[in-house]
C-alpha atoms as a PDB file:
ATOM      1  CA  MET A   1       4.617  11.777  17.629  1.00  0.00           C
ATOM      2  CA  ASP A   2       3.346  12.632  14.316  1.00  0.00           C
ATOM      3  CA  VAL A   3       5.008   9.927  11.618  1.00  0.00           C
ATOM      4  CA  PRO A   4       4.712  10.516   8.033  1.00  0.00           C
ATOM      5  CA  LEU A   5       2.073   8.132   6.042  1.00  0.00           C
ATOM      6  CA  TRP A   6       3.986   6.998   3.785  1.00  0.00           C
ATOM      7  CA  LEU A   7       7.314   6.504   6.827  1.00  0.00           C
ATOM      8  CA  ALA A   8       4.708   4.448   8.230  1.00  0.00           C
ATOM      9  CA  VAL A   9       3.514   2.530   4.813  1.00  0.00           C
ATOM     10  CA  VAL A  10       7.341   1.666   4.164  1.00  0.00           C
ATOM     11  CA  ILE A  11       7.867   0.558   7.634  1.00  0.00           C
ATOM     12  CA  VAL A  12       4.618  -1.557   7.341  1.00  0.00           C
ATOM     13  CA  GLY A  13       5.488  -3.136   4.323  1.00  0.00           C
ATOM     14  CA  TYR A  14       9.396  -3.878   4.600  1.00  0.00           C
ATOM     15  CA  LEU A  15       8.362  -5.392   8.117  1.00  0.00           C
ATOM     16  CA  GLY A  16       5.388  -7.906   6.219  1.00  0.00           C
ATOM     17  CA  ALA A  17       7.833  -8.997   3.057  1.00  0.00           C
ATOM     18  CA  LYS A  18      10.068  -9.716   5.540  1.00  0.00           C
ATOM     19  CA  LEU A  19       8.546 -11.728   8.100  1.00  0.00           C
ATOM     20  CA  ILE A  20       5.586 -13.298   6.224  1.00  0.00           C
ATOM     21  CA  ARG A  21       8.115 -13.789   2.836  1.00  0.00           C
ATOM     22  CA  PRO A  22       5.031 -13.502   0.020  1.00  0.00           C
ATOM     23  CA  PRO A  23       6.220 -14.902  -3.661  1.00  0.00           C
ATOM     24  CA  TRP A  24       7.887 -11.662  -4.987  1.00  0.00           C
ATOM     25  CA  TRP A  25       5.088 -11.880  -7.600  1.00  0.00           C
ATOM     26  CA  LEU A  26       2.117 -11.223  -5.402  1.00  0.00           C
ATOM     27  CA  LEU A  27       4.117  -8.246  -4.110  1.00  0.00           C
ATOM     28  CA  ALA A  28       5.089  -6.511  -7.676  1.00  0.00           C
ATOM     29  CA  VAL A  29       0.395  -7.517  -8.150  1.00  0.00           C
ATOM     30  CA  PHE A  30      -0.035  -5.185  -5.060  1.00  0.00           C
ATOM     31  CA  LEU A  31       2.143  -2.242  -5.526  1.00  0.00           C
ATOM     32  CA  LEU A  32       0.732  -2.230  -9.394  1.00  0.00           C
ATOM     33  CA  GLY A  33      -2.555  -2.312  -8.521  1.00  0.00           C
ATOM     34  CA  GLY A  34      -2.371   0.091  -5.684  1.00  0.00           C
ATOM     35  CA  PHE A  35      -0.847   2.490  -8.181  1.00  0.00           C
ATOM     36  CA  LEU A  36      -3.552   2.037 -10.663  1.00  0.00           C
ATOM     37  CA  LEU A  37      -6.363   2.200  -8.282  1.00  0.00           C
ATOM     38  CA  ALA A  38      -4.609   5.424  -7.003  1.00  0.00           C
ATOM     39  CA  ASP A  39      -5.236   6.829 -10.429  1.00  0.00           C
ATOM     40  CA  SER A  40      -8.823   5.353 -11.734  1.00  0.00           C
ATOM     41  CA  VAL A  41     -12.394   6.307 -10.859  1.00  0.00           C
ATOM     42  CA  LEU A  42     -12.671   4.949  -7.398  1.00  0.00           C
ATOM     43  CA  ALA A  43      -9.755   6.736  -5.976  1.00  0.00           C
ATOM     44  CA  PRO A  44     -12.416   9.321  -4.361  1.00  0.00           C
ATOM     45  CA  VAL A  45     -14.585   6.265  -2.874  1.00  0.00           C
ATOM     46  CA  ILE A  46     -11.258   5.002  -1.171  1.00  0.00           C
ATOM     47  CA  ASP A  47     -10.343   8.368   0.005  1.00  0.00           C
ATOM     48  CA  SER A  48     -13.435   8.771   1.651  1.00  0.00           C
ATOM     49  CA  ALA A  49     -13.851   5.352   3.051  1.00  0.00           C
ATOM     50  CA  ILE A  50     -10.466   6.121   4.546  1.00  0.00           C
ATOM     51  CA  LYS A  51     -11.140   9.505   5.978  1.00  0.00           C
END
């Protein structure tokens, strides 16, 4: 079964936020940090480390 990456991330993120109950500001920091990291000079390094 092939699951798109975005769907897996949404499901894991939803369950993590529901079960662990982190503060809202921490979720905002992670989302903003991930968005900014994806457009930085470190993006190719992270991409090659993941693959």
